Full PDB file with SEQRES, HELIX, SHEET, SSBOND, CRYST1, ORIGX, SCALE, CONECT and MASTER records, all heavy atoms in Angstrom:
SEQRES   1 A   41  ALA LEU LYS SER ARG LEU GLY ILE ASP PHE LYS ALA PHE          
SEQRES   2 A   41  ARG GLY ILE ARG TYR ALA SER ALA PRO VAL GLY ILE LEU          
SEQRES   3 A   41  ARG PHE ARG ASN PRO ILE PRO TYR LEU PRO TRP LYS PRO          
SEQRES   4 A   41  ASN ILE                                                      
HELIX    1 AA1 GLY A   24  LEU A   26  5                                   3    
SHEET    1 AA1 2 LEU A   2  LYS A   3  0                                        
SHEET    2 AA1 2 ASP A   9  PHE A  10 -1                                        
CRYST1    1.000    1.000    1.000  90.00  90.00  90.00 P 1           1          
ORIGX1      1.000000  0.000000  0.000000        0.00000                         
ORIGX2      0.000000  1.000000  0.000000        0.00000                         
ORIGX3      0.000000  0.000000  1.000000        0.00000                         
SCALE1      1.000000  0.000000  0.000000        0.00000                         
SCALE2      0.000000  1.000000  0.000000        0.00000                         
SCALE3      0.000000  0.000000  1.000000        0.00000                         
ATOM      1  N   ALA A   1      12.020  17.883  -5.188  1.00  0.00           N  
ATOM      2  CA  ALA A   1      11.497  19.124  -4.972  1.00  0.00           C  
ATOM      3  C   ALA A   1      10.661  19.652  -6.126  1.00  0.00           C  
ATOM      4  O   ALA A   1      11.110  19.401  -7.341  1.00  0.00           O  
ATOM      5  CB  ALA A   1      12.694  20.149  -4.722  1.00  0.00           C  
ATOM      6  N   LEU A   2       9.470  20.154  -5.876  1.00  0.00           N  
ATOM      7  CA  LEU A   2       8.594  20.681  -6.905  1.00  0.00           C  
ATOM      8  C   LEU A   2       8.062  22.066  -6.578  1.00  0.00           C  
ATOM      9  O   LEU A   2       8.474  22.641  -5.472  1.00  0.00           O  
ATOM     10  CB  LEU A   2       7.383  19.685  -7.003  1.00  0.00           C  
ATOM     11  CG  LEU A   2       7.590  18.227  -7.400  1.00  0.00           C  
ATOM     12  CD1 LEU A   2       6.324  17.464  -7.328  1.00  0.00           C  
ATOM     13  CD2 LEU A   2       8.312  18.147  -8.748  1.00  0.00           C  
ATOM     14  N   LYS A   3       7.300  22.628  -7.375  1.00  0.00           N  
ATOM     15  CA  LYS A   3       6.796  23.940  -7.139  1.00  0.00           C  
ATOM     16  C   LYS A   3       5.258  23.988  -7.235  1.00  0.00           C  
ATOM     17  O   LYS A   3       4.722  23.281  -7.984  1.00  0.00           O  
ATOM     18  CB  LYS A   3       7.365  24.971  -8.210  1.00  0.00           C  
ATOM     19  CG  LYS A   3       8.727  25.291  -7.927  1.00  0.00           C  
ATOM     20  CD  LYS A   3       9.225  26.491  -8.882  1.00  0.00           C  
ATOM     21  CE  LYS A   3      10.663  26.836  -8.682  1.00  0.00           C  
ATOM     22  NZ  LYS A   3      10.893  27.348  -7.318  1.00  0.00           N  
ATOM     23  N   SER A   4       4.636  24.747  -6.307  1.00  0.00           N  
ATOM     24  CA  SER A   4       3.235  24.900  -6.316  1.00  0.00           C  
ATOM     25  C   SER A   4       2.651  25.714  -7.473  1.00  0.00           C  
ATOM     26  O   SER A   4       3.444  26.273  -8.222  1.00  0.00           O  
ATOM     27  CB  SER A   4       2.804  25.475  -4.978  1.00  0.00           C  
ATOM     28  OG  SER A   4       3.042  26.875  -4.927  1.00  0.00           O  
ATOM     29  N   ARG A   5       1.316  25.857  -7.520  1.00  0.00           N  
ATOM     30  CA  ARG A   5       0.766  26.700  -8.482  1.00  0.00           C  
ATOM     31  C   ARG A   5       1.327  28.175  -8.539  1.00  0.00           C  
ATOM     32  O   ARG A   5       1.486  28.744  -9.575  1.00  0.00           O  
ATOM     33  CB  ARG A   5      -0.758  26.674  -8.272  1.00  0.00           C  
ATOM     34  CG  ARG A   5      -1.545  27.576  -9.320  1.00  0.00           C  
ATOM     35  CD  ARG A   5      -3.022  27.398  -8.952  1.00  0.00           C  
ATOM     36  NE  ARG A   5      -3.350  27.832  -7.680  1.00  0.00           N  
ATOM     37  CZ  ARG A   5      -3.783  29.130  -7.411  1.00  0.00           C  
ATOM     38  NH1 ARG A   5      -4.073  29.899  -8.369  1.00  0.00           N  
ATOM     39  NH2 ARG A   5      -4.007  29.489  -6.097  1.00  0.00           N  
ATOM     40  N   LEU A   6       1.509  28.657  -7.379  1.00  0.00           N  
ATOM     41  CA  LEU A   6       2.094  30.011  -7.179  1.00  0.00           C  
ATOM     42  C   LEU A   6       3.559  30.128  -7.097  1.00  0.00           C  
ATOM     43  O   LEU A   6       4.111  31.159  -6.801  1.00  0.00           O  
ATOM     44  CB  LEU A   6       1.433  30.699  -5.977  1.00  0.00           C  
ATOM     45  CG  LEU A   6      -0.110  30.833  -5.958  1.00  0.00           C  
ATOM     46  CD1 LEU A   6      -0.522  31.471  -4.537  1.00  0.00           C  
ATOM     47  CD2 LEU A   6      -0.591  31.563  -7.103  1.00  0.00           C  
ATOM     48  N   GLY A   7       4.234  29.015  -7.462  1.00  0.00           N  
ATOM     49  CA  GLY A   7       5.699  28.954  -7.506  1.00  0.00           C  
ATOM     50  C   GLY A   7       6.490  28.789  -6.160  1.00  0.00           C  
ATOM     51  O   GLY A   7       7.571  29.073  -6.078  1.00  0.00           O  
ATOM     52  N   ILE A   8       5.616  28.235  -5.179  1.00  0.00           N  
ATOM     53  CA  ILE A   8       6.268  27.966  -3.797  1.00  0.00           C  
ATOM     54  C   ILE A   8       6.976  26.594  -3.851  1.00  0.00           C  
ATOM     55  O   ILE A   8       6.377  25.635  -4.394  1.00  0.00           O  
ATOM     56  CB  ILE A   8       5.223  27.986  -2.703  1.00  0.00           C  
ATOM     57  CG1 ILE A   8       4.523  29.400  -2.664  1.00  0.00           C  
ATOM     58  CG2 ILE A   8       5.771  27.641  -1.396  1.00  0.00           C  
ATOM     59  CD1 ILE A   8       3.389  29.524  -1.785  1.00  0.00           C  
ATOM     60  N   ASP A   9       8.154  26.519  -3.296  1.00  0.00           N  
ATOM     61  CA  ASP A   9       8.871  25.277  -3.288  1.00  0.00           C  
ATOM     62  C   ASP A   9       8.240  24.325  -2.237  1.00  0.00           C  
ATOM     63  O   ASP A   9       7.805  24.654  -1.184  1.00  0.00           O  
ATOM     64  CB  ASP A   9      10.297  25.465  -2.931  1.00  0.00           C  
ATOM     65  CG  ASP A   9      11.058  26.244  -3.945  1.00  0.00           C  
ATOM     66  OD1 ASP A   9      10.789  26.062  -5.153  1.00  0.00           O  
ATOM     67  OD2 ASP A   9      12.012  26.958  -3.669  1.00  0.00           O  
ATOM     68  N   PHE A  10       8.061  23.036  -2.687  1.00  0.00           N  
ATOM     69  CA  PHE A  10       7.625  22.062  -1.676  1.00  0.00           C  
ATOM     70  C   PHE A  10       8.270  20.730  -2.006  1.00  0.00           C  
ATOM     71  O   PHE A  10       8.897  20.501  -3.091  1.00  0.00           O  
ATOM     72  CB  PHE A  10       6.082  21.884  -1.691  1.00  0.00           C  
ATOM     73  CG  PHE A  10       5.527  21.319  -2.942  1.00  0.00           C  
ATOM     74  CD1 PHE A  10       5.261  19.989  -3.021  1.00  0.00           C  
ATOM     75  CD2 PHE A  10       5.081  22.142  -4.009  1.00  0.00           C  
ATOM     76  CE1 PHE A  10       4.686  19.421  -4.228  1.00  0.00           C  
ATOM     77  CE2 PHE A  10       4.554  21.622  -5.144  1.00  0.00           C  
ATOM     78  CZ  PHE A  10       4.391  20.242  -5.275  1.00  0.00           C  
ATOM     79  N   LYS A  11       8.217  19.780  -1.089  1.00  0.00           N  
ATOM     80  CA  LYS A  11       8.810  18.444  -1.168  1.00  0.00           C  
ATOM     81  C   LYS A  11       7.828  17.335  -1.480  1.00  0.00           C  
ATOM     82  O   LYS A  11       6.709  17.408  -0.927  1.00  0.00           O  
ATOM     83  CB  LYS A  11       9.676  18.092   0.086  1.00  0.00           C  
ATOM     84  CG  LYS A  11      10.664  19.178   0.350  1.00  0.00           C  
ATOM     85  CD  LYS A  11      11.309  18.956   1.742  1.00  0.00           C  
ATOM     86  CE  LYS A  11      12.337  19.987   2.136  1.00  0.00           C  
ATOM     87  NZ  LYS A  11      11.925  21.396   2.018  1.00  0.00           N  
ATOM     88  N   ALA A  12       8.197  16.490  -2.424  1.00  0.00           N  
ATOM     89  CA  ALA A  12       7.196  15.382  -2.770  1.00  0.00           C  
ATOM     90  C   ALA A  12       7.908  14.030  -2.585  1.00  0.00           C  
ATOM     91  O   ALA A  12       8.978  13.806  -2.994  1.00  0.00           O  
ATOM     92  CB  ALA A  12       6.861  15.622  -4.257  1.00  0.00           C  
ATOM     93  N   PHE A  13       7.132  13.219  -1.869  1.00  0.00           N  
ATOM     94  CA  PHE A  13       7.579  11.842  -1.525  1.00  0.00           C  
ATOM     95  C   PHE A  13       6.448  10.919  -2.088  1.00  0.00           C  
ATOM     96  O   PHE A  13       5.379  10.765  -1.455  1.00  0.00           O  
ATOM     97  CB  PHE A  13       7.880  11.585  -0.112  1.00  0.00           C  
ATOM     98  CG  PHE A  13       8.828  12.573   0.548  1.00  0.00           C  
ATOM     99  CD1 PHE A  13       8.462  13.853   0.973  1.00  0.00           C  
ATOM    100  CD2 PHE A  13      10.239  12.235   0.532  1.00  0.00           C  
ATOM    101  CE1 PHE A  13       9.433  14.796   1.508  1.00  0.00           C  
ATOM    102  CE2 PHE A  13      11.177  13.171   1.042  1.00  0.00           C  
ATOM    103  CZ  PHE A  13      10.714  14.337   1.544  1.00  0.00           C  
ATOM    104  N   ARG A  14       6.695  10.294  -3.186  1.00  0.00           N  
ATOM    105  CA  ARG A  14       5.578   9.539  -3.903  1.00  0.00           C  
ATOM    106  C   ARG A  14       5.887   8.081  -4.044  1.00  0.00           C  
ATOM    107  O   ARG A  14       6.994   7.625  -4.062  1.00  0.00           O  
ATOM    108  CB  ARG A  14       5.359  10.128  -5.330  1.00  0.00           C  
ATOM    109  CG  ARG A  14       4.873  11.571  -5.344  1.00  0.00           C  
ATOM    110  CD  ARG A  14       4.909  12.226  -6.695  1.00  0.00           C  
ATOM    111  NE  ARG A  14       6.253  12.584  -7.143  1.00  0.00           N  
ATOM    112  CZ  ARG A  14       6.507  13.180  -8.241  1.00  0.00           C  
ATOM    113  NH1 ARG A  14       5.611  13.621  -9.086  1.00  0.00           N  
ATOM    114  NH2 ARG A  14       7.759  13.445  -8.591  1.00  0.00           N  
ATOM    115  N   GLY A  15       4.742   7.292  -4.022  1.00  0.00           N  
ATOM    116  CA  GLY A  15       4.869   5.967  -4.165  1.00  0.00           C  
ATOM    117  C   GLY A  15       5.463   5.118  -2.976  1.00  0.00           C  
ATOM    118  O   GLY A  15       5.938   4.079  -3.038  1.00  0.00           O  
ATOM    119  N   ILE A  16       5.210   5.776  -1.795  1.00  0.00           N  
ATOM    120  CA  ILE A  16       5.679   5.076  -0.520  1.00  0.00           C  
ATOM    121  C   ILE A  16       4.711   3.906  -0.212  1.00  0.00           C  
ATOM    122  O   ILE A  16       3.533   4.070  -0.076  1.00  0.00           O  
ATOM    123  CB  ILE A  16       5.660   6.067   0.667  1.00  0.00           C  
ATOM    124  CG1 ILE A  16       6.583   7.243   0.271  1.00  0.00           C  
ATOM    125  CG2 ILE A  16       6.253   5.368   1.900  1.00  0.00           C  
ATOM    126  CD1 ILE A  16       6.466   8.442   1.308  1.00  0.00           C  
ATOM    127  N   ARG A  17       5.315   2.693   0.030  1.00  0.00           N  
ATOM    128  CA  ARG A  17       4.495   1.568   0.345  1.00  0.00           C  
ATOM    129  C   ARG A  17       4.028   1.698   1.850  1.00  0.00           C  
ATOM    130  O   ARG A  17       4.899   1.783   2.723  1.00  0.00           O  
ATOM    131  CB  ARG A  17       5.229   0.264   0.192  1.00  0.00           C  
ATOM    132  CG  ARG A  17       5.361  -0.172  -1.285  1.00  0.00           C  
ATOM    133  CD  ARG A  17       6.233  -1.462  -1.403  1.00  0.00           C  
ATOM    134  NE  ARG A  17       6.240  -1.962  -2.671  1.00  0.00           N  
ATOM    135  CZ  ARG A  17       7.189  -1.709  -3.602  1.00  0.00           C  
ATOM    136  NH1 ARG A  17       8.148  -0.864  -3.268  1.00  0.00           N  
ATOM    137  NH2 ARG A  17       7.163  -2.226  -4.824  1.00  0.00           N  
ATOM    138  N   TYR A  18       2.731   1.714   2.157  1.00  0.00           N  
ATOM    139  CA  TYR A  18       2.229   1.612   3.463  1.00  0.00           C  
ATOM    140  C   TYR A  18       1.851   0.247   3.817  1.00  0.00           C  
ATOM    141  O   TYR A  18       1.684   0.035   5.035  1.00  0.00           O  
ATOM    142  CB  TYR A  18       1.074   2.609   3.656  1.00  0.00           C  
ATOM    143  CG  TYR A  18      -0.132   2.380   2.921  1.00  0.00           C  
ATOM    144  CD1 TYR A  18      -1.057   1.479   3.480  1.00  0.00           C  
ATOM    145  CD2 TYR A  18      -0.423   2.953   1.771  1.00  0.00           C  
ATOM    146  CE1 TYR A  18      -2.276   1.261   2.771  1.00  0.00           C  
ATOM    147  CE2 TYR A  18      -1.531   2.623   1.009  1.00  0.00           C  
ATOM    148  CZ  TYR A  18      -2.554   1.854   1.543  1.00  0.00           C  
ATOM    149  OH  TYR A  18      -3.625   1.556   0.860  1.00  0.00           O  
ATOM    150  N   ALA A  19       1.733  -0.599   2.845  1.00  0.00           N  
ATOM    151  CA  ALA A  19       1.311  -2.014   3.204  1.00  0.00           C  
ATOM    152  C   ALA A  19       2.023  -2.958   2.203  1.00  0.00           C  
ATOM    153  O   ALA A  19       2.326  -2.529   1.104  1.00  0.00           O  
ATOM    154  CB  ALA A  19      -0.195  -2.215   3.186  1.00  0.00           C  
ATOM    155  N   SER A  20       2.129  -4.252   2.584  1.00  0.00           N  
ATOM    156  CA  SER A  20       2.748  -5.226   1.703  1.00  0.00           C  
ATOM    157  C   SER A  20       1.900  -5.419   0.427  1.00  0.00           C  
ATOM    158  O   SER A  20       0.622  -5.240   0.497  1.00  0.00           O  
ATOM    159  CB  SER A  20       2.935  -6.498   2.420  1.00  0.00           C  
ATOM    160  OG  SER A  20       3.820  -6.351   3.548  1.00  0.00           O  
ATOM    161  N   ALA A  21       2.571  -5.883  -0.622  1.00  0.00           N  
ATOM    162  CA  ALA A  21       1.766  -6.099  -1.805  1.00  0.00           C  
ATOM    163  C   ALA A  21       0.722  -7.220  -1.581  1.00  0.00           C  
ATOM    164  O   ALA A  21       1.009  -8.322  -1.141  1.00  0.00           O  
ATOM    165  CB  ALA A  21       2.689  -6.621  -2.917  1.00  0.00           C  
ATOM    166  N   PRO A  22      -0.651  -6.916  -1.860  1.00  0.00           N  
ATOM    167  CA  PRO A  22      -1.669  -7.848  -1.637  1.00  0.00           C  
ATOM    168  C   PRO A  22      -1.716  -8.918  -2.728  1.00  0.00           C  
ATOM    169  O   PRO A  22      -2.629  -8.905  -3.561  1.00  0.00           O  
ATOM    170  CB  PRO A  22      -2.879  -7.063  -1.513  1.00  0.00           C  
ATOM    171  CG  PRO A  22      -2.551  -5.860  -2.454  1.00  0.00           C  
ATOM    172  CD  PRO A  22      -1.141  -5.629  -2.361  1.00  0.00           C  
ATOM    173  N   VAL A  23      -0.778  -9.752  -2.835  1.00  0.00           N  
ATOM    174  CA  VAL A  23      -0.739 -10.775  -3.924  1.00  0.00           C  
ATOM    175  C   VAL A  23      -0.641 -12.151  -3.333  1.00  0.00           C  
ATOM    176  O   VAL A  23      -0.454 -12.305  -2.145  1.00  0.00           O  
ATOM    177  CB  VAL A  23       0.527 -10.474  -4.789  1.00  0.00           C  
ATOM    178  CG1 VAL A  23       0.409  -9.168  -5.483  1.00  0.00           C  
ATOM    179  CG2 VAL A  23       1.803 -10.558  -3.993  1.00  0.00           C  
ATOM    180  N   GLY A  24      -0.820 -13.090  -4.162  1.00  0.00           N  
ATOM    181  CA  GLY A  24      -0.847 -14.546  -3.678  1.00  0.00           C  
ATOM    182  C   GLY A  24      -2.011 -14.713  -2.740  1.00  0.00           C  
ATOM    183  O   GLY A  24      -3.097 -14.298  -2.915  1.00  0.00           O  
ATOM    184  N   ILE A  25      -1.672 -15.393  -1.535  1.00  0.00           N  
ATOM    185  CA  ILE A  25      -2.632 -15.627  -0.596  1.00  0.00           C  
ATOM    186  C   ILE A  25      -3.247 -14.402   0.198  1.00  0.00           C  
ATOM    187  O   ILE A  25      -4.160 -14.399   0.864  1.00  0.00           O  
ATOM    188  CB  ILE A  25      -2.222 -16.643   0.515  1.00  0.00           C  
ATOM    189  CG1 ILE A  25      -1.030 -16.103   1.286  1.00  0.00           C  
ATOM    190  CG2 ILE A  25      -1.892 -18.015  -0.134  1.00  0.00           C  
ATOM    191  CD1 ILE A  25      -0.592 -16.994   2.481  1.00  0.00           C  
ATOM    192  N   LEU A  26      -2.419 -13.231  -0.038  1.00  0.00           N  
ATOM    193  CA  LEU A  26      -2.950 -11.975   0.495  1.00  0.00           C  
ATOM    194  C   LEU A  26      -3.826 -11.192  -0.301  1.00  0.00           C  
ATOM    195  O   LEU A  26      -4.328 -10.172   0.075  1.00  0.00           O  
ATOM    196  CB  LEU A  26      -1.588 -11.127   0.757  1.00  0.00           C  
ATOM    197  CG  LEU A  26      -0.578 -11.671   1.742  1.00  0.00           C  
ATOM    198  CD1 LEU A  26       0.549 -10.647   1.852  1.00  0.00           C  
ATOM    199  CD2 LEU A  26      -1.104 -12.060   3.095  1.00  0.00           C  
ATOM    200  N   ARG A  27      -4.245 -11.711  -1.465  1.00  0.00           N  
ATOM    201  CA  ARG A  27      -5.012 -10.970  -2.456  1.00  0.00           C  
ATOM    202  C   ARG A  27      -6.238 -10.367  -1.863  1.00  0.00           C  
ATOM    203  O   ARG A  27      -6.558  -9.173  -2.163  1.00  0.00           O  
ATOM    204  CB  ARG A  27      -5.298 -11.802  -3.632  1.00  0.00           C  
ATOM    205  CG  ARG A  27      -6.095 -11.157  -4.786  1.00  0.00           C  
ATOM    206  CD  ARG A  27      -6.227 -12.006  -6.038  1.00  0.00           C  
ATOM    207  NE  ARG A  27      -5.168 -11.687  -6.899  1.00  0.00           N  
ATOM    208  CZ  ARG A  27      -5.074 -12.396  -8.089  1.00  0.00           C  
ATOM    209  NH1 ARG A  27      -5.829 -13.405  -8.369  1.00  0.00           N  
ATOM    210  NH2 ARG A  27      -4.077 -12.094  -8.959  1.00  0.00           N  
ATOM    211  N   PHE A  28      -6.968 -11.098  -1.164  1.00  0.00           N  
ATOM    212  CA  PHE A  28      -8.278 -10.611  -0.687  1.00  0.00           C  
ATOM    213  C   PHE A  28      -8.255 -10.426   0.849  1.00  0.00           C  
ATOM    214  O   PHE A  28      -9.321 -10.146   1.531  1.00  0.00           O  
ATOM    215  CB  PHE A  28      -9.426 -11.596  -0.953  1.00  0.00           C  
ATOM    216  CG  PHE A  28      -9.552 -11.870  -2.397  1.00  0.00           C  
ATOM    217  CD1 PHE A  28      -9.117 -13.060  -3.032  1.00  0.00           C  
ATOM    218  CD2 PHE A  28     -10.226 -10.892  -3.248  1.00  0.00           C  
ATOM    219  CE1 PHE A  28      -9.222 -13.290  -4.365  1.00  0.00           C  
ATOM    220  CE2 PHE A  28     -10.277 -11.152  -4.581  1.00  0.00           C  
ATOM    221  CZ  PHE A  28      -9.771 -12.338  -5.130  1.00  0.00           C  
ATOM    222  N   ARG A  29      -7.141 -10.488   1.489  1.00  0.00           N  
ATOM    223  CA  ARG A  29      -7.022 -10.368   2.976  1.00  0.00           C  
ATOM    224  C   ARG A  29      -6.798  -8.946   3.450  1.00  0.00           C  
ATOM    225  O   ARG A  29      -6.482  -8.104   2.589  1.00  0.00           O  
ATOM    226  CB  ARG A  29      -5.948 -11.291   3.412  1.00  0.00           C  
ATOM    227  CG  ARG A  29      -6.215 -12.753   3.164  1.00  0.00           C  
ATOM    228  CD  ARG A  29      -5.350 -13.703   3.905  1.00  0.00           C  
ATOM    229  NE  ARG A  29      -5.620 -15.094   3.645  1.00  0.00           N  
ATOM    230  CZ  ARG A  29      -5.100 -16.108   4.232  1.00  0.00           C  
ATOM    231  NH1 ARG A  29      -4.133 -15.937   5.155  1.00  0.00           N  
ATOM    232  NH2 ARG A  29      -5.469 -17.445   3.909  1.00  0.00           N  
ATOM    233  N   ASN A  30      -6.827  -8.796   4.632  1.00  0.00           N  
ATOM    234  CA  ASN A  30      -6.570  -7.432   5.213  1.00  0.00           C  
ATOM    235  C   ASN A  30      -5.103  -7.051   5.038  1.00  0.00           C  
ATOM    236  O   ASN A  30      -4.256  -7.852   4.949  1.00  0.00           O  
ATOM    237  CB  ASN A  30      -6.850  -7.537   6.822  1.00  0.00           C  
ATOM    238  CG  ASN A  30      -8.275  -7.867   7.234  1.00  0.00           C  
ATOM    239  OD1 ASN A  30      -9.212  -7.601   6.312  1.00  0.00           O  
ATOM    240  ND2 ASN A  30      -8.570  -8.197   8.338  1.00  0.00           N  
ATOM    241  N   PRO A  31      -4.888  -5.733   4.943  1.00  0.00           N  
ATOM    242  CA  PRO A  31      -3.566  -5.312   4.595  1.00  0.00           C  
ATOM    243  C   PRO A  31      -2.561  -5.524   5.723  1.00  0.00           C  
ATOM    244  O   PRO A  31      -2.931  -5.610   6.872  1.00  0.00           O  
ATOM    245  CB  PRO A  31      -3.794  -3.724   4.425  1.00  0.00           C  
ATOM    246  CG  PRO A  31      -4.938  -3.451   5.203  1.00  0.00           C  
ATOM    247  CD  PRO A  31      -5.904  -4.660   5.089  1.00  0.00           C  
ATOM    248  N   ILE A  32      -1.379  -5.734   5.341  1.00  0.00           N  
ATOM    249  CA  ILE A  32      -0.223  -6.021   6.308  1.00  0.00           C  
ATOM    250  C   ILE A  32       0.790  -4.864   6.277  1.00  0.00           C  
ATOM    251  O   ILE A  32       1.161  -4.546   5.142  1.00  0.00           O  
ATOM    252  CB  ILE A  32       0.506  -7.339   6.087  1.00  0.00           C  
ATOM    253  CG1 ILE A  32      -0.581  -8.486   6.205  1.00  0.00           C  
ATOM    254  CG2 ILE A  32       1.685  -7.555   6.972  1.00  0.00           C  
ATOM    255  CD1 ILE A  32      -0.006  -9.850   5.915  1.00  0.00           C  
ATOM    256  N   PRO A  33       1.065  -4.178   7.312  1.00  0.00           N  
ATOM    257  CA  PRO A  33       2.005  -3.012   7.202  1.00  0.00           C  
ATOM    258  C   PRO A  33       3.277  -3.374   6.527  1.00  0.00           C  
ATOM    259  O   PRO A  33       3.826  -4.548   6.757  1.00  0.00           O  
ATOM    260  CB  PRO A  33       2.238  -2.708   8.786  1.00  0.00           C  
ATOM    261  CG  PRO A  33       1.012  -3.190   9.395  1.00  0.00           C  
ATOM    262  CD  PRO A  33       0.644  -4.420   8.710  1.00  0.00           C  
ATOM    263  N   TYR A  34       3.740  -2.476   5.729  1.00  0.00           N  
ATOM    264  CA  TYR A  34       5.051  -2.702   5.086  1.00  0.00           C  
ATOM    265  C   TYR A  34       6.279  -2.640   6.013  1.00  0.00           C  
ATOM    266  O   TYR A  34       6.298  -1.843   6.947  1.00  0.00           O  
ATOM    267  CB  TYR A  34       5.353  -1.666   3.987  1.00  0.00           C  
ATOM    268  CG  TYR A  34       6.336  -2.008   2.926  1.00  0.00           C  
ATOM    269  CD1 TYR A  34       6.221  -3.028   2.105  1.00  0.00           C  
ATOM    270  CD2 TYR A  34       7.515  -1.183   2.952  1.00  0.00           C  
ATOM    271  CE1 TYR A  34       7.218  -3.360   1.181  1.00  0.00           C  
ATOM    272  CE2 TYR A  34       8.471  -1.527   1.959  1.00  0.00           C  
ATOM    273  CZ  TYR A  34       8.294  -2.575   1.140  1.00  0.00           C  
ATOM    274  OH  TYR A  34       9.288  -2.919   0.271  1.00  0.00           O  
ATOM    275  N   LEU A  35       7.191  -3.575   5.898  1.00  0.00           N  
ATOM    276  CA  LEU A  35       8.265  -3.653   6.803  1.00  0.00           C  
ATOM    277  C   LEU A  35       9.376  -2.627   6.611  1.00  0.00           C  
ATOM    278  O   LEU A  35       9.508  -2.129   5.556  1.00  0.00           O  
ATOM    279  CB  LEU A  35       8.915  -5.066   6.677  1.00  0.00           C  
ATOM    280  CG  LEU A  35       8.095  -6.367   6.991  1.00  0.00           C  
ATOM    281  CD1 LEU A  35       8.826  -7.567   6.699  1.00  0.00           C  
ATOM    282  CD2 LEU A  35       7.719  -6.238   8.498  1.00  0.00           C  
ATOM    283  N   PRO A  36      10.110  -2.330   7.684  1.00  0.00           N  
ATOM    284  CA  PRO A  36      11.217  -1.264   7.495  1.00  0.00           C  
ATOM    285  C   PRO A  36      12.266  -1.726   6.433  1.00  0.00           C  
ATOM    286  O   PRO A  36      12.452  -2.922   6.248  1.00  0.00           O  
ATOM    287  CB  PRO A  36      11.843  -1.219   8.934  1.00  0.00           C  
ATOM    288  CG  PRO A  36      10.738  -1.736   9.822  1.00  0.00           C  
ATOM    289  CD  PRO A  36      10.020  -2.720   9.085  1.00  0.00           C  
ATOM    290  N   TRP A  37      12.842  -0.755   5.752  1.00  0.00           N  
ATOM    291  CA  TRP A  37      13.852  -1.037   4.755  1.00  0.00           C  
ATOM    292  C   TRP A  37      15.220  -0.652   5.134  1.00  0.00           C  
ATOM    293  O   TRP A  37      16.126  -0.585   4.239  1.00  0.00           O  
ATOM    294  CB  TRP A  37      13.420  -0.358   3.467  1.00  0.00           C  
ATOM    295  CG  TRP A  37      13.169   1.144   3.680  1.00  0.00           C  
ATOM    296  CD1 TRP A  37      14.035   2.161   3.704  1.00  0.00           C  
ATOM    297  CD2 TRP A  37      11.840   1.758   3.863  1.00  0.00           C  
ATOM    298  NE1 TRP A  37      13.416   3.304   3.930  1.00  0.00           N  
ATOM    299  CE2 TRP A  37      12.008   3.145   3.960  1.00  0.00           C  
ATOM    300  CE3 TRP A  37      10.573   1.176   3.818  1.00  0.00           C  
ATOM    301  CZ2 TRP A  37      10.991   4.006   4.228  1.00  0.00           C  
ATOM    302  CZ3 TRP A  37       9.471   2.151   4.010  1.00  0.00           C  
ATOM    303  CH2 TRP A  37       9.730   3.456   4.236  1.00  0.00           C  
ATOM    304  N   LYS A  38      15.455  -0.292   6.393  1.00  0.00           N  
ATOM    305  CA  LYS A  38      16.810   0.019   6.826  1.00  0.00           C  
ATOM    306  C   LYS A  38      17.750  -1.125   6.499  1.00  0.00           C  
ATOM    307  O   LYS A  38      17.380  -2.302   6.591  1.00  0.00           O  
ATOM    308  CB  LYS A  38      16.922   0.198   8.365  1.00  0.00           C  
ATOM    309  CG  LYS A  38      16.090   1.445   8.881  1.00  0.00           C  
ATOM    310  CD  LYS A  38      16.150   1.512  10.362  1.00  0.00           C  
ATOM    311  CE  LYS A  38      15.345   2.715  10.934  1.00  0.00           C  
ATOM    312  NZ  LYS A  38      15.478   2.753  12.396  1.00  0.00           N  
ATOM    313  N   PRO A  39      19.022  -0.779   6.146  1.00  0.00           N  
ATOM    314  CA  PRO A  39      19.659   0.540   6.050  1.00  0.00           C  
ATOM    315  C   PRO A  39      19.532   1.224   4.665  1.00  0.00           C  
ATOM    316  O   PRO A  39      20.149   2.142   4.404  1.00  0.00           O  
ATOM    317  CB  PRO A  39      21.052   0.260   6.431  1.00  0.00           C  
ATOM    318  CG  PRO A  39      21.313  -1.043   5.800  1.00  0.00           C  
ATOM    319  CD  PRO A  39      20.017  -1.858   5.888  1.00  0.00           C  
ATOM    320  N   ASN A  40      18.667   0.621   3.857  1.00  0.00           N  
ATOM    321  CA  ASN A  40      18.628   1.103   2.440  1.00  0.00           C  
ATOM    322  C   ASN A  40      17.783   2.404   2.454  1.00  0.00           C  
ATOM    323  O   ASN A  40      17.189   2.807   3.366  1.00  0.00           O  
ATOM    324  CB  ASN A  40      17.985   0.083   1.548  1.00  0.00           C  
ATOM    325  CG  ASN A  40      18.706  -1.227   1.390  1.00  0.00           C  
ATOM    326  OD1 ASN A  40      20.003  -1.131   1.359  1.00  0.00           O  
ATOM    327  ND2 ASN A  40      18.028  -2.365   1.424  1.00  0.00           N  
ATOM    328  N   ILE A  41      17.904   3.113   1.219  1.00  0.00           N  
ATOM    329  CA  ILE A  41      17.115   4.223   1.066  1.00  0.00           C  
ATOM    330  C   ILE A  41      15.928   3.959   0.201  1.00  0.00           C  
ATOM    331  O   ILE A  41      16.058   3.332  -0.934  1.00  0.00           O  
ATOM    332  CB  ILE A  41      18.020   5.440   0.506  1.00  0.00           C  
ATOM    333  CG1 ILE A  41      19.117   5.793   1.509  1.00  0.00           C  
ATOM    334  CG2 ILE A  41      17.160   6.650   0.123  1.00  0.00           C  
ATOM    335  CD1 ILE A  41      20.062   6.904   0.882  1.00  0.00           C  
TER     336      ILE A  41                                                      
MASTER        0    0    0    1    2    0    0    6  335    1    0    4          
END                                                                             
């Protein structure tokens, strides 16, 4: 939870992977969607 410039509460979710790490043979290739992480948080 964070606060806006005027002090309004809001929620921040940062650093969410939307694609797999483009490393190794994936370095220059098209992005691949990141897989589900259930049941972990």
